[in-house]
Amino acid sequence: ASASTWLLMIARSRALDRLRAQRRRAERTTAAAQAFGEDMVGSGHPAALQPEVPESGAKLLQALDLLPQDQRETLQLAYFSGLSHAEIAEQTGQPLGTIKTRIRLAMQKLRQQLALSWEEAP
């Protein structure tokens, strides 16, 4: 086979891989939206987490409320909306590094806050 045929097959394979990945991401996002409720309620938490939250879920919601707004929103886009870091950066107009830093800092703060709340529990 010629080099052009080889390159064409590589390009075709990469294009198909991207289409499949986009389709899987869209399916995950749709499933997450159905599971957590598409609208955000009052405090900014998914509607499905609001009613009758077990004790550990309530602690998580309290810890989320303590995060700075930009970190909380970025974390929600990543975990509840299923967006990648690059997609969040594109949607918010922030640099990719800023998005990664916000998610990392938010996760660190959540770990610290949840560790404190578990130590305080009877």
PDB file of N, CA and C in Angstrom:
ATOM      1  N   ALA A   1       0.834  -1.180   0.000  1.00  0.00           N
ATOM      2  CA  ALA A   1       0.000   0.000   0.000  1.00  0.00           C
ATOM      3  C   ALA A   1       0.880   1.245   0.000  1.00  0.00           C
ATOM      4  N   SER A   2       0.360   2.298  -0.578  1.00  0.00           N
ATOM      5  CA  SER A   2       1.133   3.538  -0.651  1.00  0.00           C
ATOM      6  C   SER A   2       1.023   4.306   0.673  1.00  0.00           C
ATOM      7  N   ALA A   3       1.881   5.281   0.835  1.00  0.00           N
ATOM      8  CA  ALA A   3       1.904   6.085   2.052  1.00  0.00           C
ATOM      9  C   ALA A   3       0.595   6.870   2.203  1.00  0.00           C
ATOM     10  N   SER A   4       0.035   7.345   1.098  1.00  0.00           N
ATOM     11  CA  SER A   4      -1.205   8.113   1.183  1.00  0.00           C
ATOM     12  C   SER A   4      -2.358   7.243   1.681  1.00  0.00           C
ATOM     13  N   THR A   5      -2.405   5.982   1.271  1.00  0.00           N
ATOM     14  CA  THR A   5      -3.442   5.070   1.744  1.00  0.00           C
ATOM     15  C   THR A   5      -3.282   4.831   3.239  1.00  0.00           C
ATOM     16  N   TRP A   6      -2.065   4.650   3.677  1.00  0.00           N
ATOM     17  CA  TRP A   6      -1.769   4.428   5.082  1.00  0.00           C
ATOM     18  C   TRP A   6      -2.196   5.642   5.918  1.00  0.00           C
ATOM     19  N   LEU A   7      -1.846   6.839   5.464  1.00  0.00           N
ATOM     20  CA  LEU A   7      -2.233   8.057   6.172  1.00  0.00           C
ATOM     21  C   LEU A   7      -3.746   8.235   6.204  1.00  0.00           C
ATOM     22  N   LEU A   8      -4.409   7.912   5.106  1.00  0.00           N
ATOM     23  CA  LEU A   8      -5.861   8.021   5.041  1.00  0.00           C
ATOM     24  C   LEU A   8      -6.524   7.089   6.063  1.00  0.00           C
ATOM     25  N   MET A   9      -6.021   5.884   6.210  1.00  0.00           N
ATOM     26  CA  MET A   9      -6.581   4.934   7.171  1.00  0.00           C
ATOM     27  C   MET A   9      -6.366   5.410   8.606  1.00  0.00           C
ATOM     28  N   ILE A  10      -5.206   5.988   8.880  1.00  0.00           N
ATOM     29  CA  ILE A  10      -4.936   6.511  10.223  1.00  0.00           C
ATOM     30  C   ILE A  10      -5.896   7.666  10.530  1.00  0.00           C
ATOM     31  N   ALA A  11      -6.063   8.573   9.574  1.00  0.00           N
ATOM     32  CA  ALA A  11      -6.960   9.710   9.768  1.00  0.00           C
ATOM     33  C   ALA A  11      -8.399   9.236   9.962  1.00  0.00           C
ATOM     34  N   ARG A  12      -8.810   8.258   9.191  1.00  0.00           N
ATOM     35  CA  ARG A  12     -10.163   7.716   9.311  1.00  0.00           C
ATOM     36  C   ARG A  12     -10.371   7.089  10.684  1.00  0.00           C
ATOM     37  N   SER A  13      -9.406   6.317  11.122  1.00  0.00           N
ATOM     38  CA  SER A  13      -9.510   5.663  12.432  1.00  0.00           C
ATOM     39  C   SER A  13      -9.592   6.683  13.558  1.00  0.00           C
ATOM     40  N   ARG A  14      -8.776   7.725  13.485  1.00  0.00           N
ATOM     41  CA  ARG A  14      -8.797   8.774  14.514  1.00  0.00           C
ATOM     42  C   ARG A  14     -10.147   9.502  14.524  1.00  0.00           C
ATOM     43  N   ALA A  15     -10.679   9.779  13.346  1.00  0.00           N
ATOM     44  CA  ALA A  15     -11.971  10.467  13.254  1.00  0.00           C
ATOM     45  C   ALA A  15     -13.084   9.609  13.861  1.00  0.00           C
ATOM     46  N   LEU A  16     -13.073   8.312  13.559  1.00  0.00           N
ATOM     47  CA  LEU A  16     -14.081   7.411  14.127  1.00  0.00           C
ATOM     48  C   LEU A  16     -13.941   7.311  15.646  1.00  0.00           C
ATOM     49  N   ASP A  17     -12.703   7.264  16.144  1.00  0.00           N
ATOM     50  CA  ASP A  17     -12.479   7.228  17.590  1.00  0.00           C
ATOM     51  C   ASP A  17     -13.053   8.465  18.266  1.00  0.00           C
ATOM     52  N   ARG A  18     -12.845   9.624  17.654  1.00  0.00           N
ATOM     53  CA  ARG A  18     -13.379  10.868  18.234  1.00  0.00           C
ATOM     54  C   ARG A  18     -14.899  10.882  18.232  1.00  0.00           C
ATOM     55  N   LEU A  19     -15.504  10.439  17.148  1.00  0.00           N
ATOM     56  CA  LEU A  19     -16.965  10.386  17.084  1.00  0.00           C
ATOM     57  C   LEU A  19     -17.530   9.453  18.153  1.00  0.00           C
ATOM     58  N   ARG A  20     -16.906   8.302  18.327  1.00  0.00           N
ATOM     59  CA  ARG A  20     -17.370   7.355  19.342  1.00  0.00           C
ATOM     60  C   ARG A  20     -17.218   7.948  20.744  1.00  0.00           C
ATOM     61  N   ALA A  21     -16.095   8.621  20.991  1.00  0.00           N
ATOM     62  CA  ALA A  21     -15.873   9.239  22.306  1.00  0.00           C
ATOM     63  C   ALA A  21     -16.904  10.321  22.579  1.00  0.00           C
ATOM     64  N   GLN A  22     -17.219  11.138  21.585  1.00  0.00           N
ATOM     65  CA  GLN A  22     -18.227  12.180  21.754  1.00  0.00           C
ATOM     66  C   GLN A  22     -19.592  11.576  22.046  1.00  0.00           C
ATOM     67  N   ARG A  23     -19.916  10.495  21.365  1.00  0.00           N
ATOM     68  CA  ARG A  23     -21.201   9.837  21.574  1.00  0.00           C
ATOM     69  C   ARG A  23     -21.276   9.263  22.992  1.00  0.00           C
ATOM     70  N   ARG A  24     -20.189   8.628  23.467  1.00  0.00           N
ATOM     71  CA  ARG A  24     -20.174   8.086  24.826  1.00  0.00           C
ATOM     72  C   ARG A  24     -20.302   9.203  25.853  1.00  0.00           C
ATOM     73  N   ARG A  25     -19.603  10.319  25.622  1.00  0.00           N
ATOM     74  CA  ARG A  25     -19.658  11.451  26.554  1.00  0.00           C
ATOM     75  C   ARG A  25     -21.074  12.013  26.612  1.00  0.00           C
ATOM     76  N   ALA A  26     -21.719  12.122  25.454  1.00  0.00           N
ATOM     77  CA  ALA A  26     -23.090  12.637  25.419  1.00  0.00           C
ATOM     78  C   ALA A  26     -24.033  11.692  26.154  1.00  0.00           C
ATOM     79  N   GLU A  27     -23.842  10.394  26.013  1.00  0.00           N
ATOM     80  CA  GLU A  27     -24.686   9.417  26.697  1.00  0.00           C
ATOM     81  C   GLU A  27     -24.483   9.494  28.205  1.00  0.00           C
ATOM     82  N   ARG A  28     -23.216   9.640  28.651  1.00  0.00           N
ATOM     83  CA  ARG A  28     -22.933   9.763  30.088  1.00  0.00           C
ATOM     84  C   ARG A  28     -23.553  11.030  30.655  1.00  0.00           C
ATOM     85  N   THR A  29     -23.444  12.128  29.908  1.00  0.00           N
ATOM     86  CA  THR A  29     -24.002  13.401  30.370  1.00  0.00           C
ATOM     87  C   THR A  29     -25.511  13.311  30.488  1.00  0.00           C
ATOM     88  N   THR A  30     -26.153  12.682  29.519  1.00  0.00           N
ATOM     89  CA  THR A  30     -27.601  12.509  29.556  1.00  0.00           C
ATOM     90  C   THR A  30     -28.003  11.637  30.736  1.00  0.00           C
ATOM     91  N   ALA A  31     -27.275  10.559  30.964  1.00  0.00           N
ATOM     92  CA  ALA A  31     -27.577   9.675  32.085  1.00  0.00           C
ATOM     93  C   ALA A  31     -27.395  10.394  33.413  1.00  0.00           C
ATOM     94  N   ALA A  32     -26.329  11.199  33.530  1.00  0.00           N
ATOM     95  CA  ALA A  32     -26.086  11.947  34.767  1.00  0.00           C
ATOM     96  C   ALA A  32     -27.182  12.976  34.990  1.00  0.00           C
ATOM     97  N   ALA A  33     -27.620  13.634  33.927  1.00  0.00           N
ATOM     98  CA  ALA A  33     -28.685  14.636  34.050  1.00  0.00           C
ATOM     99  C   ALA A  33     -29.981  13.982  34.509  1.00  0.00           C
ATOM    100  N   GLN A  34     -30.265  12.792  34.013  1.00  0.00           N
ATOM    101  CA  GLN A  34     -31.475  12.090  34.426  1.00  0.00           C
ATOM    102  C   GLN A  34     -31.369  11.617  35.873  1.00  0.00           C
ATOM    103  N   ALA A  35     -30.174  11.175  36.265  1.00  0.00           N
ATOM    104  CA  ALA A  35     -29.985  10.665  37.617  1.00  0.00           C
ATOM    105  C   ALA A  35     -30.027  11.764  38.660  1.00  0.00           C
ATOM    106  N   PHE A  36     -29.453  12.916  38.346  1.00  0.00           N
ATOM    107  CA  PHE A  36     -29.335  13.986  39.327  1.00  0.00           C
ATOM    108  C   PHE A  36     -30.345  15.103  39.128  1.00  0.00           C
ATOM    109  N   GLY A  37     -31.107  15.054  38.076  1.00  0.00           N
ATOM    110  CA  GLY A  37     -32.067  16.125  37.802  1.00  0.00           C
ATOM    111  C   GLY A  37     -31.375  17.231  37.037  1.00  0.00           C
ATOM    112  N   GLU A  38     -31.987  17.702  35.986  1.00  0.00           N
ATOM    113  CA  GLU A  38     -31.329  18.674  35.128  1.00  0.00           C
ATOM    114  C   GLU A  38     -31.273  20.054  35.734  1.00  0.00           C
ATOM    115  N   ASP A  39     -32.271  20.416  36.556  1.00  0.00           N
ATOM    116  CA  ASP A  39     -32.251  21.763  37.120  1.00  0.00           C
ATOM    117  C   ASP A  39     -31.527  21.737  38.458  1.00  0.00           C
ATOM    118  N   MET A  40     -30.874  22.828  38.763  1.00  0.00           N
ATOM    119  CA  MET A  40     -30.189  22.962  40.029  1.00  0.00           C
ATOM    120  C   MET A  40     -31.122  23.692  40.981  1.00  0.00           C
ATOM    121  N   VAL A  41     -31.188  23.239  42.197  1.00  0.00           N
ATOM    122  CA  VAL A  41     -32.118  23.785  43.173  1.00  0.00           C
ATOM    123  C   VAL A  41     -31.378  24.679  44.152  1.00  0.00           C
ATOM    124  N   GLY A  42     -32.025  25.743  44.616  1.00  0.00           N
ATOM    125  CA  GLY A  42     -31.587  26.636  45.674  1.00  0.00           C
ATOM    126  C   GLY A  42     -30.103  26.788  45.870  1.00  0.00           C
ATOM    127  N   SER A  43     -29.502  25.891  46.611  1.00  0.00           N
ATOM    128  CA  SER A  43     -28.106  26.040  47.000  1.00  0.00           C
ATOM    129  C   SER A  43     -27.154  25.662  45.875  1.00  0.00           C
ATOM    130  N   GLY A  44     -27.668  25.253  44.730  1.00  0.00           N
ATOM    131  CA  GLY A  44     -26.797  24.916  43.621  1.00  0.00           C
ATOM    132  C   GLY A  44     -26.460  23.445  43.550  1.00  0.00           C
ATOM    133  N   HIS A  45     -27.149  22.615  44.313  1.00  0.00           N
ATOM    134  CA  HIS A  45     -26.912  21.179  44.269  1.00  0.00           C
ATOM    135  C   HIS A  45     -27.952  20.527  43.377  1.00  0.00           C
ATOM    136  N   PRO A  46     -27.598  19.419  42.737  1.00  0.00           N
ATOM    137  CA  PRO A  46     -28.572  18.743  41.885  1.00  0.00           C
ATOM    138  C   PRO A  46     -29.834  18.409  42.675  1.00  0.00           C
ATOM    139  N   ALA A  47     -30.952  18.507  42.004  1.00  0.00           N
ATOM    140  CA  ALA A  47     -32.250  18.300  42.653  1.00  0.00           C
ATOM    141  C   ALA A  47     -32.347  16.932  43.303  1.00  0.00           C
ATOM    142  N   ALA A  48     -31.754  15.903  42.704  1.00  0.00           N
ATOM    143  CA  ALA A  48     -31.856  14.557  43.244  1.00  0.00           C
ATOM    144  C   ALA A  48     -31.141  14.418  44.581  1.00  0.00           C
ATOM    145  N   LEU A  49     -30.196  15.296  44.878  1.00  0.00           N
ATOM    146  CA  LEU A  49     -29.483  15.206  46.143  1.00  0.00           C
ATOM    147  C   LEU A  49     -30.195  15.954  47.266  1.00  0.00           C
ATOM    148  N   GLN A  50     -31.178  16.762  46.950  1.00  0.00           N
ATOM    149  CA  GLN A  50     -31.831  17.595  47.954  1.00  0.00           C
ATOM    150  C   GLN A  50     -32.707  16.818  48.939  1.00  0.00           C
ATOM    151  N   PRO A  51     -33.710  16.076  48.485  1.00  0.00           N
ATOM    152  CA  PRO A  51     -34.629  15.483  49.452  1.00  0.00           C
ATOM    153  C   PRO A  51     -34.049  14.244  50.124  1.00  0.00           C
ATOM    154  N   GLU A  52     -34.314  14.127  51.414  1.00  0.00           N
ATOM    155  CA  GLU A  52     -33.973  12.920  52.163  1.00  0.00           C
ATOM    156  C   GLU A  52     -32.536  12.445  51.926  1.00  0.00           C
ATOM    157  N   VAL A  53     -31.576  13.301  52.165  1.00  0.00           N
ATOM    158  CA  VAL A  53     -30.174  12.947  51.967  1.00  0.00           C
ATOM    159  C   VAL A  53     -29.686  12.229  53.213  1.00  0.00           C
ATOM    160  N   PRO A  54     -29.014  11.089  53.060  1.00  0.00           N
ATOM    161  CA  PRO A  54     -28.477  10.426  54.241  1.00  0.00           C
ATOM    162  C   PRO A  54     -27.430  11.323  54.914  1.00  0.00           C
ATOM    163  N   GLU A  55     -27.030  10.946  56.121  1.00  0.00           N
ATOM    164  CA  GLU A  55     -26.116  11.785  56.905  1.00  0.00           C
ATOM    165  C   GLU A  55     -24.827  12.092  56.158  1.00  0.00           C
ATOM    166  N   SER A  56     -24.234  11.097  55.511  1.00  0.00           N
ATOM    167  CA  SER A  56     -22.985  11.343  54.787  1.00  0.00           C
ATOM    168  C   SER A  56     -23.220  12.282  53.602  1.00  0.00           C
ATOM    169  N   GLY A  57     -24.378  12.169  52.956  1.00  0.00           N
ATOM    170  CA  GLY A  57     -24.709  13.065  51.856  1.00  0.00           C
ATOM    171  C   GLY A  57     -24.912  14.485  52.341  1.00  0.00           C
ATOM    172  N   ALA A  58     -25.505  14.620  53.529  1.00  0.00           N
ATOM    173  CA  ALA A  58     -25.713  15.952  54.101  1.00  0.00           C
ATOM    174  C   ALA A  58     -24.371  16.603  54.415  1.00  0.00           C
ATOM    175  N   LYS A  59     -23.436  15.805  54.928  1.00  0.00           N
ATOM    176  CA  LYS A  59     -22.102  16.342  55.213  1.00  0.00           C
ATOM    177  C   LYS A  59     -21.408  16.784  53.927  1.00  0.00           C
ATOM    178  N   LEU A  60     -21.598  16.023  52.876  1.00  0.00           N
ATOM    179  CA  LEU A  60     -21.001  16.390  51.589  1.00  0.00           C
ATOM    180  C   LEU A  60     -21.609  17.695  51.081  1.00  0.00           C
ATOM    181  N   LEU A  61     -22.915  17.840  51.181  1.00  0.00           N
ATOM    182  CA  LEU A  61     -23.567  19.074  50.734  1.00  0.00           C
ATOM    183  C   LEU A  61     -23.093  20.278  51.541  1.00  0.00           C
ATOM    184  N   GLN A  62     -22.910  20.086  52.852  1.00  0.00           N
ATOM    185  CA  GLN A  62     -22.397  21.166  53.687  1.00  0.00           C
ATOM    186  C   GLN A  62     -20.971  21.538  53.272  1.00  0.00           C
ATOM    187  N   ALA A  63     -20.158  20.531  53.003  1.00  0.00           N
ATOM    188  CA  ALA A  63     -18.780  20.787  52.582  1.00  0.00           C
ATOM    189  C   ALA A  63     -18.758  21.501  51.230  1.00  0.00           C
ATOM    190  N   LEU A  64     -19.654  21.124  50.319  1.00  0.00           N
ATOM    191  CA  LEU A  64     -19.737  21.804  49.025  1.00  0.00           C
ATOM    192  C   LEU A  64     -20.121  23.268  49.192  1.00  0.00           C
ATOM    193  N   ASP A  65     -21.012  23.533  50.130  1.00  0.00           N
ATOM    194  CA  ASP A  65     -21.449  24.916  50.371  1.00  0.00           C
ATOM    195  C   ASP A  65     -20.311  25.796  50.881  1.00  0.00           C
ATOM    196  N   LEU A  66     -19.322  25.196  51.529  1.00  0.00           N
ATOM    197  CA  LEU A  66     -18.203  25.968  52.073  1.00  0.00           C
ATOM    198  C   LEU A  66     -17.151  26.328  51.016  1.00  0.00           C
ATOM    199  N   LEU A  67     -17.233  25.699  49.855  1.00  0.00           N
ATOM    200  CA  LEU A  67     -16.266  25.994  48.790  1.00  0.00           C
ATOM    201  C   LEU A  67     -16.539  27.367  48.185  1.00  0.00           C
ATOM    202  N   PRO A  68     -15.478  28.024  47.699  1.00  0.00           N
ATOM    203  CA  PRO A  68     -15.703  29.260  46.939  1.00  0.00           C
ATOM    204  C   PRO A  68     -16.561  28.952  45.707  1.00  0.00           C
ATOM    205  N   GLN A  69     -17.348  29.912  45.289  1.00  0.00           N
ATOM    206  CA  GLN A  69     -18.311  29.688  44.205  1.00  0.00           C
ATOM    207  C   GLN A  69     -17.657  29.178  42.922  1.00  0.00           C
ATOM    208  N   ASP A  70     -16.520  29.765  42.519  1.00  0.00           N
ATOM    209  CA  ASP A  70     -15.894  29.328  41.265  1.00  0.00           C
ATOM    210  C   ASP A  70     -15.428  27.877  41.344  1.00  0.00           C
ATOM    211  N   GLN A  71     -14.920  27.458  42.493  1.00  0.00           N
ATOM    212  CA  GLN A  71     -14.492  26.068  42.648  1.00  0.00           C
ATOM    213  C   GLN A  71     -15.684  25.124  42.670  1.00  0.00           C
ATOM    214  N   ARG A  72     -16.751  25.536  43.375  1.00  0.00           N
ATOM    215  CA  ARG A  72     -17.954  24.699  43.454  1.00  0.00           C
ATOM    216  C   ARG A  72     -18.583  24.508  42.073  1.00  0.00           C
ATOM    217  N   GLU A  73     -18.697  25.595  41.312  1.00  0.00           N
ATOM    218  CA  GLU A  73     -19.301  25.499  39.976  1.00  0.00           C
ATOM    219  C   GLU A  73     -18.462  24.627  39.049  1.00  0.00           C
ATOM    220  N   THR A  74     -17.139  24.777  39.120  1.00  0.00           N
ATOM    221  CA  THR A  74     -16.258  23.969  38.273  1.00  0.00           C
ATOM    222  C   THR A  74     -16.378  22.499  38.635  1.00  0.00           C
ATOM    223  N   LEU A  75     -16.430  22.202  39.923  1.00  0.00           N
ATOM    224  CA  LEU A  75     -16.572  20.823  40.387  1.00  0.00           C
ATOM    225  C   LEU A  75     -17.903  20.234  39.935  1.00  0.00           C
ATOM    226  N   GLN A  76     -18.967  21.028  39.989  1.00  0.00           N
ATOM    227  CA  GLN A  76     -20.278  20.543  39.549  1.00  0.00           C
ATOM    228  C   GLN A  76     -20.292  20.267  38.048  1.00  0.00           C
ATOM    229  N   LEU A  77     -19.639  21.118  37.281  1.00  0.00           N
ATOM    230  CA  LEU A  77     -19.582  20.871  35.837  1.00  0.00           C
ATOM    231  C   LEU A  77     -18.815  19.584  35.535  1.00  0.00           C
ATOM    232  N   ALA A  78     -17.759  19.340  36.301  1.00  0.00           N
ATOM    233  CA  ALA A  78     -16.945  18.152  36.056  1.00  0.00           C
ATOM    234  C   ALA A  78     -17.648  16.872  36.492  1.00  0.00           C
ATOM    235  N   TYR A  79     -18.236  16.869  37.696  1.00  0.00           N
ATOM    236  CA  TYR A  79     -18.768  15.627  38.243  1.00  0.00           C
ATOM    237  C   TYR A  79     -20.257  15.416  38.034  1.00  0.00           C
ATOM    238  N   PHE A  80     -21.042  16.473  38.007  1.00  0.00           N
ATOM    239  CA  PHE A  80     -22.483  16.297  37.823  1.00  0.00           C
ATOM    240  C   PHE A  80     -22.890  16.439  36.362  1.00  0.00           C
ATOM    241  N   SER A  81     -22.170  17.267  35.606  1.00  0.00           N
ATOM    242  CA  SER A  81     -22.494  17.428  34.188  1.00  0.00           C
ATOM    243  C   SER A  81     -21.647  16.529  33.306  1.00  0.00           C
ATOM    244  N   GLY A  82     -20.601  15.946  33.867  1.00  0.00           N
ATOM    245  CA  GLY A  82     -19.772  15.003  33.122  1.00  0.00           C
ATOM    246  C   GLY A  82     -18.896  15.641  32.065  1.00  0.00           C
ATOM    247  N   LEU A  83     -18.562  16.919  32.211  1.00  0.00           N
ATOM    248  CA  LEU A  83     -17.726  17.593  31.219  1.00  0.00           C
ATOM    249  C   LEU A  83     -16.253  17.337  31.508  1.00  0.00           C
ATOM    250  N   SER A  84     -15.461  17.305  30.458  1.00  0.00           N
ATOM    251  CA  SER A  84     -14.019  17.172  30.625  1.00  0.00           C
ATOM    252  C   SER A  84     -13.446  18.526  31.016  1.00  0.00           C
ATOM    253  N   HIS A  85     -12.203  18.524  31.461  1.00  0.00           N
ATOM    254  CA  HIS A  85     -11.558  19.783  31.834  1.00  0.00           C
ATOM    255  C   HIS A  85     -11.522  20.747  30.651  1.00  0.00           C
ATOM    256  N   ALA A  86     -11.205  20.230  29.483  1.00  0.00           N
ATOM    257  CA  ALA A  86     -11.138  21.078  28.287  1.00  0.00           C
ATOM    258  C   ALA A  86     -12.510  21.657  27.946  1.00  0.00           C
ATOM    259  N   GLU A  87     -13.556  20.870  28.100  1.00  0.00           N
ATOM    260  CA  GLU A  87     -14.907  21.353  27.812  1.00  0.00           C
ATOM    261  C   GLU A  87     -15.330  22.439  28.811  1.00  0.00           C
ATOM    262  N   ILE A  88     -14.943  22.254  30.067  1.00  0.00           N
ATOM    263  CA  ILE A  88     -15.264  23.267  31.079  1.00  0.00           C
ATOM    264  C   ILE A  88     -14.540  24.565  30.751  1.00  0.00           C
ATOM    265  N   ALA A  89     -13.261  24.458  30.377  1.00  0.00           N
ATOM    266  CA  ALA A  89     -12.476  25.646  30.029  1.00  0.00           C
ATOM    267  C   ALA A  89     -13.111  26.373  28.850  1.00  0.00           C
ATOM    268  N   GLU A  90     -13.537  25.628  27.857  1.00  0.00           N
ATOM    269  CA  GLU A  90     -14.169  26.228  26.683  1.00  0.00           C
ATOM    270  C   GLU A  90     -15.498  26.891  27.050  1.00  0.00           C
ATOM    271  N   GLN A  91     -16.294  26.212  27.861  1.00  0.00           N
ATOM    272  CA  GLN A  91     -17.612  26.724  28.226  1.00  0.00           C
ATOM    273  C   GLN A  91     -17.511  27.973  29.105  1.00  0.00           C
ATOM    274  N   THR A  92     -16.540  28.001  30.027  1.00  0.00           N
ATOM    275  CA  THR A  92     -16.424  29.126  30.953  1.00  0.00           C
ATOM    276  C   THR A  92     -15.507  30.229  30.450  1.00  0.00           C
ATOM    277  N   GLY A  93     -14.720  29.942  29.422  1.00  0.00           N
ATOM    278  CA  GLY A  93     -13.784  30.934  28.904  1.00  0.00           C
ATOM    279  C   GLY A  93     -12.545  31.101  29.771  1.00  0.00           C
ATOM    280  N   GLN A  94     -12.298  30.143  30.659  1.00  0.00           N
ATOM    281  CA  GLN A  94     -11.126  30.173  31.532  1.00  0.00           C
ATOM    282  C   GLN A  94     -10.024  29.295  30.935  1.00  0.00           C
ATOM    283  N   PRO A  95      -8.754  29.584  31.267  1.00  0.00           N
ATOM    284  CA  PRO A  95      -7.664  28.732  30.801  1.00  0.00           C
ATOM    285  C   PRO A  95      -7.777  27.323  31.394  1.00  0.00           C
ATOM    286  N   LEU A  96      -7.289  26.344  30.664  1.00  0.00           N
ATOM    287  CA  LEU A  96      -7.356  24.945  31.104  1.00  0.00           C
ATOM    288  C   LEU A  96      -6.647  24.766  32.443  1.00  0.00           C
ATOM    289  N   GLY A  97      -5.505  25.398  32.622  1.00  0.00           N
ATOM    290  CA  GLY A  97      -4.767  25.297  33.879  1.00  0.00           C
ATOM    291  C   GLY A  97      -5.570  25.808  35.064  1.00  0.00           C
ATOM    292  N   THR A  98      -6.336  26.868  34.862  1.00  0.00           N
ATOM    293  CA  THR A  98      -7.185  27.419  35.923  1.00  0.00           C
ATOM    294  C   THR A  98      -8.255  26.410  36.324  1.00  0.00           C
ATOM    295  N   ILE A  99      -8.844  25.764  35.341  1.00  0.00           N
ATOM    296  CA  ILE A  99      -9.886  24.762  35.615  1.00  0.00           C
ATOM    297  C   ILE A  99      -9.302  23.609  36.412  1.00  0.00           C
ATOM    298  N   LYS A 100      -8.148  23.108  35.997  1.00  0.00           N
ATOM    299  CA  LYS A 100      -7.509  21.993  36.707  1.00  0.00           C
ATOM    300  C   LYS A 100      -7.167  22.387  38.137  1.00  0.00           C
ATOM    301  N   THR A 101      -6.671  23.610  38.318  1.00  0.00           N
ATOM    302  CA  THR A 101      -6.314  24.081  39.653  1.00  0.00           C
ATOM    303  C   THR A 101      -7.557  24.197  40.531  1.00  0.00           C
ATOM    304  N   ARG A 102      -8.637  24.733  39.990  1.00  0.00           N
ATOM    305  CA  ARG A 102      -9.872  24.878  40.763  1.00  0.00           C
ATOM    306  C   ARG A 102     -10.399  23.522  41.218  1.00  0.00           C
ATOM    307  N   ILE A 103     -10.373  22.550  40.325  1.00  0.00           N
ATOM    308  CA  ILE A 103     -10.861  21.215  40.681  1.00  0.00           C
ATOM    309  C   ILE A 103      -9.959  20.591  41.744  1.00  0.00           C
ATOM    310  N   ARG A 104      -8.650  20.721  41.578  1.00  0.00           N
ATOM    311  CA  ARG A 104      -7.708  20.155  42.550  1.00  0.00           C
ATOM    312  C   ARG A 104      -7.895  20.795  43.922  1.00  0.00           C
ATOM    313  N   LEU A 105      -7.970  22.124  43.967  1.00  0.00           N
ATOM    314  CA  LEU A 105      -8.153  22.825  45.232  1.00  0.00           C
ATOM    315  C   LEU A 105      -9.490  22.471  45.887  1.00  0.00           C
ATOM    316  N   ALA A 106     -10.538  22.385  45.080  1.00  0.00           N
ATOM    317  CA  ALA A 106     -11.857  22.034  45.606  1.00  0.00           C
ATOM    318  C   ALA A 106     -11.833  20.632  46.214  1.00  0.00           C
ATOM    319  N   MET A 107     -11.189  19.690  45.549  1.00  0.00           N
ATOM    320  CA  MET A 107     -11.115  18.328  46.071  1.00  0.00           C
ATOM    321  C   MET A 107     -10.316  18.288  47.371  1.00  0.00           C
ATOM    322  N   GLN A 108      -9.227  19.051  47.448  1.00  0.00           N
ATOM    323  CA  GLN A 108      -8.439  19.108  48.677  1.00  0.00           C
ATOM    324  C   GLN A 108      -9.278  19.676  49.822  1.00  0.00           C
ATOM    325  N   LYS A 109      -9.999  20.750  49.558  1.00  0.00           N
ATOM    326  CA  LYS A 109     -10.829  21.373  50.598  1.00  0.00           C
ATOM    327  C   LYS A 109     -11.955  20.442  51.033  1.00  0.00           C
ATOM    328  N   LEU A 110     -12.543  19.723  50.079  1.00  0.00           N
ATOM    329  CA  LEU A 110     -13.592  18.769  50.439  1.00  0.00           C
ATOM    330  C   LEU A 110     -13.040  17.668  51.332  1.00  0.00           C
ATOM    331  N   ARG A 111     -11.858  17.147  50.986  1.00  0.00           N
ATOM    332  CA  ARG A 111     -11.244  16.107  51.811  1.00  0.00           C
ATOM    333  C   ARG A 111     -11.009  16.605  53.232  1.00  0.00           C
ATOM    334  N   GLN A 112     -10.451  17.802  53.342  1.00  0.00           N
ATOM    335  CA  GLN A 112     -10.177  18.369  54.664  1.00  0.00           C
ATOM    336  C   GLN A 112     -11.468  18.573  55.452  1.00  0.00           C
ATOM    337  N   GLN A 113     -12.460  19.159  54.817  1.00  0.00           N
ATOM    338  CA  GLN A 113     -13.721  19.447  55.500  1.00  0.00           C
ATOM    339  C   GLN A 113     -14.436  18.175  55.919  1.00  0.00           C
ATOM    340  N   LEU A 114     -14.438  17.172  55.045  1.00  0.00           N
ATOM    341  CA  LEU A 114     -15.105  15.913  55.376  1.00  0.00           C
ATOM    342  C   LEU A 114     -14.351  15.180  56.472  1.00  0.00           C
ATOM    343  N   ALA A 115     -13.030  15.254  56.471  1.00  0.00           N
ATOM    344  CA  ALA A 115     -12.247  14.623  57.540  1.00  0.00           C
ATOM    345  C   ALA A 115     -12.578  15.281  58.877  1.00  0.00           C
ATOM    346  N   LEU A 116     -12.688  16.601  58.892  1.00  0.00           N
ATOM    347  CA  LEU A 116     -13.051  17.313  60.117  1.00  0.00           C
ATOM    348  C   LEU A 116     -14.451  16.925  60.596  1.00  0.00           C
ATOM    349  N   SER A 117     -15.387  16.857  59.678  1.00  0.00           N
ATOM    350  CA  SER A 117     -16.766  16.553  60.064  1.00  0.00           C
ATOM    351  C   SER A 117     -16.892  15.114  60.583  1.00  0.00           C
ATOM    352  N   TRP A 118     -16.090  14.190  60.051  1.00  0.00           N
ATOM    353  CA  TRP A 118     -16.137  12.810  60.530  1.00  0.00           C
ATOM    354  C   TRP A 118     -15.487  12.699  61.905  1.00  0.00           C
ATOM    355  N   GLU A 119     -14.464  13.527  62.175  1.00  0.00           N
ATOM    356  CA  GLU A 119     -13.835  13.512  63.497  1.00  0.00           C
ATOM    357  C   GLU A 119     -14.779  14.061  64.556  1.00  0.00           C
ATOM    358  N   GLU A 120     -15.600  15.041  64.165  1.00  0.00           N
ATOM    359  CA  GLU A 120     -16.544  15.663  65.100  1.00  0.00           C
ATOM    360  C   GLU A 120     -17.766  14.799  65.359  1.00  0.00           C
ATOM    361  N   ALA A 121     -18.030  13.847  64.486  1.00  0.00           N
ATOM    362  CA  ALA A 121     -19.232  13.006  64.621  1.00  0.00           C
ATOM    363  C   ALA A 121     -19.099  12.129  65.867  1.00  0.00           C
ATOM    364  N   PRO A 122     -20.217  11.912  66.571  1.00  0.00           N
ATOM    365  CA  PRO A 122     -20.181  11.097  67.793  1.00  0.00           C
ATOM    366  C   PRO A 122     -19.945   9.639  67.525  1.00  0.00           C
TER     367      PRO A 122
END
